[in-house]
Amino acid sequence: MRDTVYFLVFDGFADWEAALALCEIRRPGDWRIVTVGFSARPVTSMGGLSITPEVTLDRLDLSRAALLILPGGHLWQRGEGQEAVDAAERVHAAGGTVAAISSAVLALARHGLMARSRHTGNFTGFVGGYGVVYDGSERYDPDALAVSDGGFITASSLGSVEFAREVIRALDLYSGSDREHWYRLFKHAAPPPWYAGEKAATV
């Protein structure tokens, strides 16, 4: 039974990038969110939050892993984090989805995981800008803020709402129309049609 979403935490991870996605995952109450680390020691996010990972990367339950989320952070630009890429390969091979945002996309591309999937990142030439020549570079879409393809979700650091929408879709949260209403609400501050009635009822 795939009921678990793993969220990678490490010193300096960009804590805001997946915040909307995590909130929507938790809302229905059907999914477990488990923080995973390179080790069991506490880490501090880019925004100063202290978090102790619940499990380490070598302890992922692949039979329950529906999704592995890799947030951005400077370690990816430094070429670090191989253990997380290895875990992403295992999750994907086992049938789960891997969701990378911002510089985490760089790590997947560097290690060949983007060879057959359309993907995006922070800006035009993002991956190549770090000197990475990789299979699948022709599949990079510089115009999209988030892309889902082949069991991977990738997103720009400016596309947290789009990233959340793709995560919501991957986990089949809400109906198609409700997902679109959700997106319009958080992206454009356009309330759903039923909001006016709820507001009137409280007046």
N, C-alpha and C. Protein backbone atom coordinates (compact mmCIF):
# COMPACT_ATOMS: atom_id res chain seq x y z
N MET A 1 0.85 -1.20 0.00
CA MET A 1 0.00 0.00 0.00
C MET A 1 0.88 1.25 0.00
N ARG A 2 0.74 2.07 -1.01
CA ARG A 2 1.54 3.30 -1.09
C ARG A 2 0.81 4.43 -0.37
N ASP A 3 1.26 4.73 0.84
CA ASP A 3 0.58 5.73 1.65
C ASP A 3 1.54 6.74 2.26
N THR A 4 2.82 6.71 1.81
CA THR A 4 3.85 7.52 2.45
C THR A 4 4.50 8.49 1.47
N VAL A 5 4.65 9.72 1.92
CA VAL A 5 5.39 10.74 1.18
C VAL A 5 6.64 11.06 2.00
N TYR A 6 7.79 10.84 1.41
CA TYR A 6 9.05 11.16 2.07
C TYR A 6 9.52 12.55 1.65
N PHE A 7 9.96 13.32 2.63
CA PHE A 7 10.43 14.68 2.38
C PHE A 7 11.86 14.80 2.89
N LEU A 8 12.79 15.08 1.97
CA LEU A 8 14.19 15.16 2.34
C LEU A 8 14.49 16.47 3.08
N VAL A 9 15.18 16.36 4.21
CA VAL A 9 15.62 17.54 4.96
C VAL A 9 17.13 17.45 5.15
N PHE A 10 17.78 18.61 5.09
CA PHE A 10 19.23 18.66 5.25
C PHE A 10 19.59 20.10 5.61
N ASP A 11 20.77 20.32 6.11
CA ASP A 11 21.18 21.66 6.47
C ASP A 11 21.09 22.59 5.26
N GLY A 12 20.29 23.64 5.41
CA GLY A 12 20.15 24.62 4.35
C GLY A 12 19.09 24.31 3.30
N PHE A 13 18.21 23.33 3.56
CA PHE A 13 17.17 23.08 2.56
C PHE A 13 16.19 24.25 2.51
N ALA A 14 15.66 24.51 1.32
CA ALA A 14 14.74 25.63 1.10
C ALA A 14 13.36 25.23 1.61
N ASP A 15 13.03 25.67 2.82
CA ASP A 15 11.85 25.17 3.51
C ASP A 15 10.53 25.65 2.92
N TRP A 16 10.54 26.74 2.18
CA TRP A 16 9.29 27.29 1.65
C TRP A 16 8.85 26.65 0.33
N GLU A 17 9.78 26.03 -0.38
CA GLU A 17 9.48 25.63 -1.76
C GLU A 17 8.40 24.56 -1.86
N ALA A 18 8.34 23.66 -0.91
CA ALA A 18 7.34 22.59 -0.96
C ALA A 18 6.26 22.76 0.10
N ALA A 19 6.20 23.93 0.74
CA ALA A 19 5.27 24.11 1.86
C ALA A 19 3.81 23.92 1.44
N LEU A 20 3.41 24.52 0.34
CA LEU A 20 2.02 24.36 -0.12
C LEU A 20 1.71 22.90 -0.43
N ALA A 21 2.64 22.23 -1.09
CA ALA A 21 2.43 20.83 -1.42
C ALA A 21 2.25 19.99 -0.16
N LEU A 22 3.09 20.22 0.83
CA LEU A 22 3.00 19.43 2.06
C LEU A 22 1.68 19.67 2.79
N CYS A 23 1.23 20.91 2.82
CA CYS A 23 -0.04 21.21 3.49
C CYS A 23 -1.20 20.49 2.82
N GLU A 24 -1.21 20.47 1.48
CA GLU A 24 -2.31 19.81 0.78
C GLU A 24 -2.23 18.30 0.92
N ILE A 25 -1.03 17.76 0.99
CA ILE A 25 -0.89 16.31 1.21
C ILE A 25 -1.48 15.91 2.55
N ARG A 26 -1.24 16.72 3.57
CA ARG A 26 -1.72 16.40 4.92
C ARG A 26 -3.22 16.61 5.09
N ARG A 27 -3.79 17.52 4.30
CA ARG A 27 -5.18 17.94 4.53
C ARG A 27 -6.18 16.78 4.54
N PRO A 28 -6.15 15.85 3.58
CA PRO A 28 -7.16 14.78 3.60
C PRO A 28 -6.99 13.78 4.74
N GLY A 29 -5.76 13.67 5.27
CA GLY A 29 -5.51 12.73 6.36
C GLY A 29 -5.23 11.31 5.92
N ASP A 30 -5.06 11.11 4.61
CA ASP A 30 -4.85 9.76 4.09
C ASP A 30 -3.38 9.43 3.88
N TRP A 31 -2.52 10.41 3.97
CA TRP A 31 -1.12 10.22 3.63
C TRP A 31 -0.22 10.47 4.84
N ARG A 32 0.84 9.69 4.96
CA ARG A 32 1.87 9.90 5.96
C ARG A 32 2.99 10.73 5.34
N ILE A 33 3.38 11.80 6.00
CA ILE A 33 4.55 12.55 5.58
C ILE A 33 5.68 12.21 6.54
N VAL A 34 6.77 11.73 6.01
CA VAL A 34 7.90 11.30 6.82
C VAL A 34 9.14 12.08 6.38
N THR A 35 9.77 12.76 7.32
CA THR A 35 11.01 13.47 7.00
C THR A 35 12.16 12.48 6.97
N VAL A 36 13.02 12.64 5.96
CA VAL A 36 14.15 11.72 5.78
C VAL A 36 15.42 12.54 5.65
N GLY A 37 16.50 12.03 6.25
CA GLY A 37 17.76 12.76 6.23
C GLY A 37 18.93 11.90 5.79
N PHE A 38 20.05 12.55 5.52
CA PHE A 38 21.28 11.84 5.22
C PHE A 38 21.78 11.10 6.46
N SER A 39 21.45 11.65 7.63
CA SER A 39 21.75 11.00 8.91
C SER A 39 20.58 11.30 9.84
N ALA A 40 20.67 10.82 11.07
CA ALA A 40 19.58 11.04 12.03
C ALA A 40 19.76 12.31 12.84
N ARG A 41 20.81 13.05 12.60
CA ARG A 41 21.06 14.25 13.41
C ARG A 41 20.13 15.39 12.98
N PRO A 42 19.80 16.30 13.88
CA PRO A 42 18.95 17.45 13.53
C PRO A 42 19.62 18.32 12.47
N VAL A 43 18.79 18.95 11.65
CA VAL A 43 19.28 19.85 10.61
C VAL A 43 18.56 21.19 10.75
N THR A 44 19.11 22.21 10.11
CA THR A 44 18.51 23.54 10.14
C THR A 44 18.22 23.99 8.72
N SER A 45 16.98 24.36 8.47
CA SER A 45 16.57 24.78 7.13
C SER A 45 17.13 26.15 6.79
N MET A 46 16.97 26.55 5.55
CA MET A 46 17.43 27.86 5.10
C MET A 46 16.74 28.97 5.89
N GLY A 47 15.50 28.73 6.30
CA GLY A 47 14.75 29.72 7.07
C GLY A 47 14.96 29.63 8.57
N GLY A 48 15.83 28.72 9.02
CA GLY A 48 16.17 28.63 10.44
C GLY A 48 15.35 27.65 11.24
N LEU A 49 14.57 26.78 10.59
CA LEU A 49 13.79 25.77 11.31
C LEU A 49 14.67 24.57 11.64
N SER A 50 14.58 24.10 12.87
CA SER A 50 15.33 22.92 13.28
C SER A 50 14.44 21.69 13.18
N ILE A 51 14.92 20.67 12.45
CA ILE A 51 14.13 19.47 12.21
C ILE A 51 15.00 18.24 12.42
N THR A 52 14.45 17.25 13.10
CA THR A 52 15.15 15.98 13.26
C THR A 52 14.53 14.96 12.32
N PRO A 53 15.28 14.43 11.37
CA PRO A 53 14.72 13.44 10.44
C PRO A 53 14.16 12.23 11.17
N GLU A 54 13.05 11.73 10.65
CA GLU A 54 12.43 10.55 11.26
C GLU A 54 13.12 9.26 10.83
N VAL A 55 13.63 9.24 9.60
CA VAL A 55 14.35 8.06 9.09
C VAL A 55 15.53 8.56 8.26
N THR A 56 16.42 7.67 7.93
CA THR A 56 17.54 8.00 7.06
C THR A 56 17.28 7.43 5.66
N LEU A 57 18.04 7.91 4.69
CA LEU A 57 17.78 7.55 3.30
C LEU A 57 17.88 6.06 3.02
N ASP A 58 18.66 5.36 3.82
CA ASP A 58 18.81 3.92 3.60
C ASP A 58 17.68 3.11 4.23
N ARG A 59 16.71 3.80 4.86
CA ARG A 59 15.61 3.10 5.53
C ARG A 59 14.26 3.38 4.90
N LEU A 60 14.23 3.85 3.67
CA LEU A 60 12.95 4.11 3.01
C LEU A 60 12.22 2.79 2.77
N ASP A 61 10.92 2.81 3.01
CA ASP A 61 10.08 1.64 2.73
C ASP A 61 9.55 1.80 1.31
N LEU A 62 10.20 1.15 0.37
CA LEU A 62 9.86 1.34 -1.04
C LEU A 62 8.47 0.83 -1.38
N SER A 63 7.96 -0.12 -0.61
CA SER A 63 6.62 -0.65 -0.88
C SER A 63 5.54 0.36 -0.50
N ARG A 64 5.88 1.34 0.36
CA ARG A 64 4.90 2.33 0.80
C ARG A 64 5.18 3.72 0.24
N ALA A 65 6.31 3.89 -0.44
CA ALA A 65 6.72 5.21 -0.93
C ALA A 65 5.94 5.61 -2.17
N ALA A 66 5.01 6.54 -1.99
CA ALA A 66 4.27 7.08 -3.12
C ALA A 66 5.03 8.22 -3.77
N LEU A 67 5.79 8.96 -2.95
CA LEU A 67 6.43 10.17 -3.43
C LEU A 67 7.65 10.48 -2.57
N LEU A 68 8.73 10.92 -3.24
CA LEU A 68 9.91 11.44 -2.55
C LEU A 68 10.10 12.87 -3.02
N ILE A 69 10.07 13.83 -2.09
CA ILE A 69 10.22 15.24 -2.43
C ILE A 69 11.63 15.69 -2.08
N LEU A 70 12.30 16.28 -3.07
CA LEU A 70 13.65 16.82 -2.89
C LEU A 70 13.59 18.33 -3.04
N PRO A 71 13.72 19.09 -1.95
CA PRO A 71 13.71 20.55 -2.04
C PRO A 71 15.06 21.09 -2.47
N GLY A 72 15.08 22.36 -2.86
CA GLY A 72 16.32 22.99 -3.25
C GLY A 72 17.22 23.25 -2.06
N GLY A 73 18.47 23.57 -2.36
CA GLY A 73 19.46 23.87 -1.33
C GLY A 73 20.83 23.93 -1.97
N HIS A 74 21.75 24.60 -1.31
CA HIS A 74 23.06 24.84 -1.92
C HIS A 74 23.89 23.56 -2.08
N LEU A 75 23.55 22.49 -1.35
CA LEU A 75 24.37 21.29 -1.47
C LEU A 75 24.32 20.72 -2.89
N TRP A 76 23.19 20.91 -3.59
CA TRP A 76 23.08 20.39 -4.95
C TRP A 76 24.05 21.11 -5.88
N GLN A 77 24.18 22.44 -5.73
CA GLN A 77 25.12 23.18 -6.56
C GLN A 77 26.56 22.76 -6.29
N ARG A 78 26.82 22.31 -5.07
CA ARG A 78 28.17 21.87 -4.72
C ARG A 78 28.46 20.45 -5.20
N GLY A 79 27.48 19.82 -5.82
CA GLY A 79 27.67 18.46 -6.32
C GLY A 79 27.55 17.39 -5.25
N GLU A 80 26.95 17.74 -4.11
CA GLU A 80 26.79 16.79 -3.02
C GLU A 80 25.41 16.12 -3.10
N GLY A 81 25.16 15.20 -2.17
CA GLY A 81 23.83 14.59 -2.07
C GLY A 81 23.64 13.33 -2.88
N GLN A 82 24.73 12.62 -3.19
CA GLN A 82 24.61 11.40 -4.01
C GLN A 82 23.66 10.38 -3.37
N GLU A 83 23.67 10.28 -2.04
CA GLU A 83 22.79 9.30 -1.37
C GLU A 83 21.32 9.57 -1.66
N ALA A 84 20.97 10.86 -1.78
CA ALA A 84 19.58 11.21 -2.08
C ALA A 84 19.22 10.85 -3.52
N VAL A 85 20.17 11.04 -4.42
CA VAL A 85 19.93 10.66 -5.82
C VAL A 85 19.76 9.15 -5.93
N ASP A 86 20.59 8.41 -5.22
CA ASP A 86 20.45 6.94 -5.20
C ASP A 86 19.08 6.53 -4.67
N ALA A 87 18.63 7.21 -3.62
CA ALA A 87 17.30 6.91 -3.06
C ALA A 87 16.21 7.25 -4.07
N ALA A 88 16.38 8.36 -4.77
CA ALA A 88 15.40 8.74 -5.80
C ALA A 88 15.31 7.67 -6.88
N GLU A 89 16.45 7.13 -7.28
CA GLU A 89 16.45 6.06 -8.27
C GLU A 89 15.69 4.84 -7.74
N ARG A 90 15.90 4.51 -6.49
CA ARG A 90 15.21 3.35 -5.92
C ARG A 90 13.71 3.57 -5.84
N VAL A 91 13.30 4.75 -5.40
CA VAL A 91 11.87 5.05 -5.30
C VAL A 91 11.23 4.99 -6.68
N HIS A 92 11.88 5.60 -7.66
CA HIS A 92 11.32 5.61 -9.02
C HIS A 92 11.25 4.20 -9.59
N ALA A 93 12.29 3.42 -9.41
CA ALA A 93 12.30 2.05 -9.93
C ALA A 93 11.22 1.19 -9.28
N ALA A 94 10.86 1.53 -8.03
CA ALA A 94 9.85 0.76 -7.30
C ALA A 94 8.43 1.22 -7.64
N GLY A 95 8.30 2.25 -8.48
CA GLY A 95 6.98 2.70 -8.90
C GLY A 95 6.49 3.97 -8.25
N GLY A 96 7.32 4.59 -7.40
CA GLY A 96 6.95 5.85 -6.78
C GLY A 96 7.33 7.03 -7.67
N THR A 97 6.89 8.21 -7.28
CA THR A 97 7.19 9.43 -8.01
C THR A 97 8.27 10.21 -7.26
N VAL A 98 9.15 10.84 -8.02
CA VAL A 98 10.19 11.69 -7.45
C VAL A 98 9.89 13.13 -7.85
N ALA A 99 9.81 14.02 -6.86
CA ALA A 99 9.48 15.42 -7.10
C ALA A 99 10.64 16.29 -6.65
N ALA A 100 11.25 17.00 -7.60
CA ALA A 100 12.41 17.84 -7.31
C ALA A 100 12.10 19.28 -7.70
N ILE A 101 12.45 20.21 -6.84
CA ILE A 101 12.21 21.61 -7.12
C ILE A 101 13.51 22.39 -6.99
N SER A 102 13.64 23.41 -7.82
CA SER A 102 14.79 24.30 -7.78
C SER A 102 16.08 23.53 -8.07
N SER A 103 17.11 23.74 -7.27
CA SER A 103 18.41 23.15 -7.56
C SER A 103 18.45 21.64 -7.39
N ALA A 104 17.43 21.04 -6.79
CA ALA A 104 17.39 19.58 -6.70
C ALA A 104 17.30 18.95 -8.09
N VAL A 105 16.71 19.68 -9.04
CA VAL A 105 16.64 19.19 -10.42
C VAL A 105 18.04 18.97 -10.97
N LEU A 106 18.95 19.86 -10.58
CA LEU A 106 20.33 19.77 -11.03
C LEU A 106 20.94 18.42 -10.68
N ALA A 107 20.68 17.93 -9.48
CA ALA A 107 21.23 16.65 -9.04
C ALA A 107 20.68 15.50 -9.86
N LEU A 108 19.38 15.54 -10.16
CA LEU A 108 18.79 14.46 -10.96
C LEU A 108 19.36 14.46 -12.36
N ALA A 109 19.51 15.64 -12.96
CA ALA A 109 20.06 15.73 -14.30
C ALA A 109 21.51 15.28 -14.34
N ARG A 110 22.29 15.70 -13.34
CA ARG A 110 23.71 15.37 -13.29
C ARG A 110 23.93 13.86 -13.28
N HIS A 111 23.00 13.13 -12.68
CA HIS A 111 23.17 11.69 -12.53
C HIS A 111 22.29 10.88 -13.50
N GLY A 112 21.80 11.52 -14.54
CA GLY A 112 21.16 10.79 -15.63
C GLY A 112 19.69 10.49 -15.47
N LEU A 113 19.04 11.00 -14.42
CA LEU A 113 17.64 10.65 -14.20
C LEU A 113 16.68 11.42 -15.11
N MET A 114 17.16 12.46 -15.77
CA MET A 114 16.31 13.24 -16.64
C MET A 114 16.47 12.87 -18.12
N ALA A 115 17.12 11.76 -18.38
CA ALA A 115 17.44 11.38 -19.76
C ALA A 115 16.20 11.17 -20.62
N ARG A 116 15.13 10.67 -20.02
CA ARG A 116 13.94 10.35 -20.83
C ARG A 116 12.69 11.11 -20.42
N SER A 117 12.83 12.08 -19.57
CA SER A 117 11.65 12.81 -19.08
C SER A 117 11.76 14.30 -19.40
N ARG A 118 10.67 14.85 -19.88
CA ARG A 118 10.59 16.31 -20.02
C ARG A 118 10.71 16.91 -18.62
N HIS A 119 11.46 18.01 -18.51
CA HIS A 119 11.70 18.57 -17.18
C HIS A 119 11.98 20.07 -17.28
N THR A 120 12.04 20.70 -16.13
CA THR A 120 12.33 22.13 -16.09
C THR A 120 13.19 22.43 -14.87
N GLY A 121 13.52 23.69 -14.71
CA GLY A 121 14.37 24.11 -13.59
C GLY A 121 14.22 25.61 -13.38
N ASN A 122 15.23 26.23 -12.86
CA ASN A 122 15.09 27.62 -12.42
C ASN A 122 15.07 28.64 -13.55
N PHE A 123 15.76 28.36 -14.66
CA PHE A 123 15.82 29.34 -15.75
C PHE A 123 16.42 28.67 -16.97
N THR A 124 16.38 29.36 -18.11
CA THR A 124 16.96 28.84 -19.34
C THR A 124 18.46 28.58 -19.13
N GLY A 125 18.89 27.38 -19.49
CA GLY A 125 20.29 27.03 -19.33
C GLY A 125 20.69 26.73 -17.90
N PHE A 126 19.72 26.49 -17.03
CA PHE A 126 19.98 26.30 -15.60
C PHE A 126 20.98 25.17 -15.34
N VAL A 127 20.70 23.99 -15.88
CA VAL A 127 21.56 22.84 -15.60
C VAL A 127 22.94 23.04 -16.23
N GLY A 128 22.95 23.45 -17.50
CA GLY A 128 24.21 23.66 -18.19
C GLY A 128 25.04 24.76 -17.56
N GLY A 129 24.38 25.68 -16.88
CA GLY A 129 25.09 26.77 -16.23
C GLY A 129 26.03 26.30 -15.14
N TYR A 130 25.85 25.06 -14.67
CA TYR A 130 26.74 24.50 -13.66
C TYR A 130 27.74 23.53 -14.29
N GLY A 131 27.88 23.64 -15.60
CA GLY A 131 28.86 22.83 -16.30
C GLY A 131 28.45 21.39 -16.49
N VAL A 132 27.15 21.11 -16.38
CA VAL A 132 26.67 19.74 -16.51
C VAL A 132 26.21 19.48 -17.94
N VAL A 133 26.82 18.52 -18.59
CA VAL A 133 26.37 18.04 -19.90
C VAL A 133 25.68 16.70 -19.64
N TYR A 134 24.42 16.59 -20.02
CA TYR A 134 23.69 15.40 -19.61
C TYR A 134 22.74 14.92 -20.69
N ASP A 135 22.48 13.62 -20.69
CA ASP A 135 21.49 13.04 -21.58
C ASP A 135 20.11 13.57 -21.20
N GLY A 136 19.37 14.03 -22.18
CA GLY A 136 18.04 14.57 -21.92
C GLY A 136 18.00 16.08 -21.89
N SER A 137 19.13 16.74 -22.14
CA SER A 137 19.14 18.21 -22.10
C SER A 137 18.16 18.81 -23.10
N GLU A 138 17.91 18.09 -24.19
CA GLU A 138 16.96 18.60 -25.18
C GLU A 138 15.52 18.52 -24.68
N ARG A 139 15.30 17.83 -23.58
CA ARG A 139 13.96 17.73 -23.00
C ARG A 139 13.69 18.80 -21.94
N TYR A 140 14.64 19.67 -21.73
CA TYR A 140 14.48 20.75 -20.75
C TYR A 140 13.52 21.79 -21.31
N ASP A 141 12.50 22.16 -20.53
CA ASP A 141 11.51 23.15 -20.95
C ASP A 141 11.71 24.42 -20.14
N PRO A 142 12.31 25.45 -20.72
CA PRO A 142 12.59 26.67 -19.97
C PRO A 142 11.36 27.54 -19.72
N ASP A 143 10.26 27.22 -20.40
CA ASP A 143 9.06 28.05 -20.29
C ASP A 143 8.06 27.57 -19.25
N ALA A 144 8.28 26.38 -18.70
CA ALA A 144 7.34 25.81 -17.73
C ALA A 144 7.85 26.03 -16.32
N LEU A 145 6.95 26.34 -15.40
CA LEU A 145 7.32 26.46 -13.99
C LEU A 145 7.32 25.12 -13.28
N ALA A 146 6.57 24.17 -13.81
CA ALA A 146 6.57 22.81 -13.26
C ALA A 146 6.18 21.84 -14.37
N VAL A 147 6.75 20.65 -14.31
CA VAL A 147 6.51 19.64 -15.34
C VAL A 147 6.38 18.28 -14.66
N SER A 148 5.43 17.47 -15.12
CA SER A 148 5.32 16.07 -14.70
C SER A 148 5.52 15.19 -15.92
N ASP A 149 6.44 14.24 -15.83
CA ASP A 149 6.66 13.33 -16.95
C ASP A 149 7.47 12.13 -16.48
N GLY A 150 7.01 10.97 -16.85
CA GLY A 150 7.77 9.75 -16.62
C GLY A 150 8.05 9.42 -15.16
N GLY A 151 7.14 9.81 -14.27
CA GLY A 151 7.35 9.51 -12.86
C GLY A 151 8.21 10.52 -12.13
N PHE A 152 8.48 11.65 -12.80
CA PHE A 152 9.23 12.73 -12.17
C PHE A 152 8.42 14.03 -12.23
N ILE A 153 8.50 14.80 -11.16
CA ILE A 153 7.97 16.16 -11.14
C ILE A 153 9.18 17.08 -10.93
N THR A 154 9.31 18.07 -11.79
CA THR A 154 10.39 19.04 -11.64
C THR A 154 9.79 20.44 -11.68
N ALA A 155 10.46 21.38 -11.01
CA ALA A 155 9.89 22.73 -10.94
C ALA A 155 10.97 23.76 -10.69
N SER A 156 10.65 24.97 -11.11
CA SER A 156 11.47 26.13 -10.82
C SER A 156 11.25 26.56 -9.37
N SER A 157 12.23 27.25 -8.81
CA SER A 157 12.06 27.80 -7.46
C SER A 157 10.95 28.84 -7.43
N LEU A 158 10.60 29.39 -8.60
CA LEU A 158 9.51 30.37 -8.69
C LEU A 158 8.16 29.70 -8.93
N GLY A 159 8.14 28.38 -8.98
CA GLY A 159 6.91 27.67 -9.30
C GLY A 159 6.38 26.82 -8.17
N SER A 160 6.41 27.32 -6.95
CA SER A 160 5.95 26.50 -5.82
C SER A 160 4.47 26.14 -5.93
N VAL A 161 3.66 27.04 -6.48
CA VAL A 161 2.23 26.75 -6.64
C VAL A 161 2.04 25.69 -7.72
N GLU A 162 2.76 25.85 -8.82
CA GLU A 162 2.69 24.85 -9.90
C GLU A 162 3.23 23.50 -9.43
N PHE A 163 4.30 23.54 -8.65
CA PHE A 163 4.86 22.31 -8.08
C PHE A 163 3.82 21.60 -7.21
N ALA A 164 3.15 22.36 -6.36
CA ALA A 164 2.12 21.78 -5.50
C ALA A 164 0.99 21.19 -6.33
N ARG A 165 0.61 21.89 -7.39
CA ARG A 165 -0.47 21.37 -8.25
C ARG A 165 -0.09 20.02 -8.86
N GLU A 166 1.17 19.88 -9.29
CA GLU A 166 1.60 18.61 -9.87
C GLU A 166 1.66 17.51 -8.81
N VAL A 167 2.06 17.84 -7.61
CA VAL A 167 2.06 16.87 -6.51
C VAL A 167 0.63 16.44 -6.20
N ILE A 168 -0.28 17.40 -6.12
CA ILE A 168 -1.69 17.11 -5.87
C ILE A 168 -2.23 16.17 -6.94
N ARG A 169 -1.86 16.44 -8.19
CA ARG A 169 -2.33 15.59 -9.28
C ARG A 169 -1.72 14.19 -9.18
N ALA A 170 -0.43 14.11 -8.87
CA ALA A 170 0.24 12.81 -8.79
C ALA A 170 -0.37 11.92 -7.72
N LEU A 171 -0.81 12.52 -6.62
CA LEU A 171 -1.41 11.75 -5.53
C LEU A 171 -2.93 11.63 -5.67
N ASP A 172 -3.45 12.20 -6.76
CA ASP A 172 -4.88 12.14 -7.06
C ASP A 172 -5.71 12.75 -5.92
N LEU A 173 -5.24 13.90 -5.42
CA LEU A 173 -5.99 14.62 -4.40
C LEU A 173 -7.04 15.50 -5.07
N TYR A 174 -8.26 15.47 -4.58
CA TYR A 174 -9.34 16.30 -5.08
C TYR A 174 -9.73 15.90 -6.52
N SER A 175 -10.82 16.45 -6.98
CA SER A 175 -11.25 16.22 -8.35
C SER A 175 -10.47 17.15 -9.28
N GLY A 176 -10.55 16.88 -10.57
CA GLY A 176 -9.86 17.73 -11.53
C GLY A 176 -10.30 19.18 -11.45
N SER A 177 -11.61 19.40 -11.30
CA SER A 177 -12.10 20.78 -11.23
C SER A 177 -11.67 21.46 -9.93
N ASP A 178 -11.68 20.70 -8.84
CA ASP A 178 -11.24 21.28 -7.56
C ASP A 178 -9.76 21.61 -7.58
N ARG A 179 -8.96 20.78 -8.26
CA ARG A 179 -7.54 21.10 -8.40
C ARG A 179 -7.35 22.41 -9.14
N GLU A 180 -8.15 22.63 -10.16
CA GLU A 180 -8.03 23.87 -10.92
C GLU A 180 -8.47 25.06 -10.08
N HIS A 181 -9.54 24.89 -9.31
CA HIS A 181 -9.97 25.97 -8.42
C HIS A 181 -8.89 26.27 -7.38
N TRP A 182 -8.27 25.20 -6.86
CA TRP A 182 -7.19 25.39 -5.89
C TRP A 182 -6.06 26.21 -6.51
N TYR A 183 -5.68 25.86 -7.72
CA TYR A 183 -4.58 26.57 -8.38
C TYR A 183 -4.92 28.04 -8.60
N ARG A 184 -6.11 28.31 -9.05
CA ARG A 184 -6.51 29.70 -9.30
C ARG A 184 -6.55 30.51 -8.00
N LEU A 185 -6.93 29.85 -6.91
CA LEU A 185 -6.99 30.53 -5.63
C LEU A 185 -5.60 30.93 -5.16
N PHE A 186 -4.64 30.00 -5.19
CA PHE A 186 -3.32 30.28 -4.66
C PHE A 186 -2.41 31.02 -5.63
N LYS A 187 -2.71 30.89 -6.93
CA LYS A 187 -1.87 31.58 -7.91
C LYS A 187 -2.40 32.97 -8.23
N HIS A 188 -3.72 33.11 -8.32
CA HIS A 188 -4.30 34.36 -8.79
C HIS A 188 -5.26 34.99 -7.79
N ALA A 189 -5.36 34.43 -6.58
CA ALA A 189 -6.28 34.94 -5.56
C ALA A 189 -7.72 34.98 -6.08
N ALA A 190 -8.07 34.00 -6.92
CA ALA A 190 -9.42 33.90 -7.48
C ALA A 190 -10.19 32.86 -6.67
N PRO A 191 -11.12 33.27 -5.82
CA PRO A 191 -11.84 32.31 -4.98
C PRO A 191 -12.70 31.36 -5.80
N PRO A 192 -12.90 30.14 -5.32
CA PRO A 192 -13.77 29.19 -6.02
C PRO A 192 -15.21 29.66 -5.99
N PRO A 193 -16.05 29.13 -6.89
CA PRO A 193 -17.43 29.60 -7.00
C PRO A 193 -18.24 29.46 -5.72
N TRP A 194 -17.94 28.42 -4.93
CA TRP A 194 -18.73 28.21 -3.71
C TRP A 194 -18.32 29.14 -2.58
N TYR A 195 -17.19 29.82 -2.70
CA TYR A 195 -16.72 30.68 -1.63
C TYR A 195 -17.67 31.81 -1.33
N ALA A 196 -18.30 32.38 -2.36
CA ALA A 196 -19.22 33.50 -2.17
C ALA A 196 -20.39 33.08 -1.30
N GLY A 197 -20.89 31.85 -1.51
CA GLY A 197 -22.00 31.38 -0.71
C GLY A 197 -21.62 31.15 0.73
N GLU A 198 -20.42 30.61 0.97
CA GLU A 198 -19.95 30.40 2.34
C GLU A 198 -19.75 31.74 3.06
N LYS A 199 -19.22 32.70 2.33
CA LYS A 199 -18.99 34.01 2.93
C LYS A 199 -20.30 34.69 3.32
N ALA A 200 -21.29 34.56 2.42
CA ALA A 200 -22.60 35.16 2.68
C ALA A 200 -23.27 34.54 3.90
N ALA A 201 -23.05 33.23 4.06
CA ALA A 201 -23.68 32.51 5.18
C ALA A 201 -23.14 32.95 6.53
N THR A 202 -21.92 33.48 6.54
CA THR A 202 -21.30 33.89 7.80
C THR A 202 -21.58 35.34 8.15
N VAL A 203 -22.17 36.09 7.22
CA VAL A 203 -22.46 37.51 7.45
C VAL A 203 -23.71 37.65 8.32
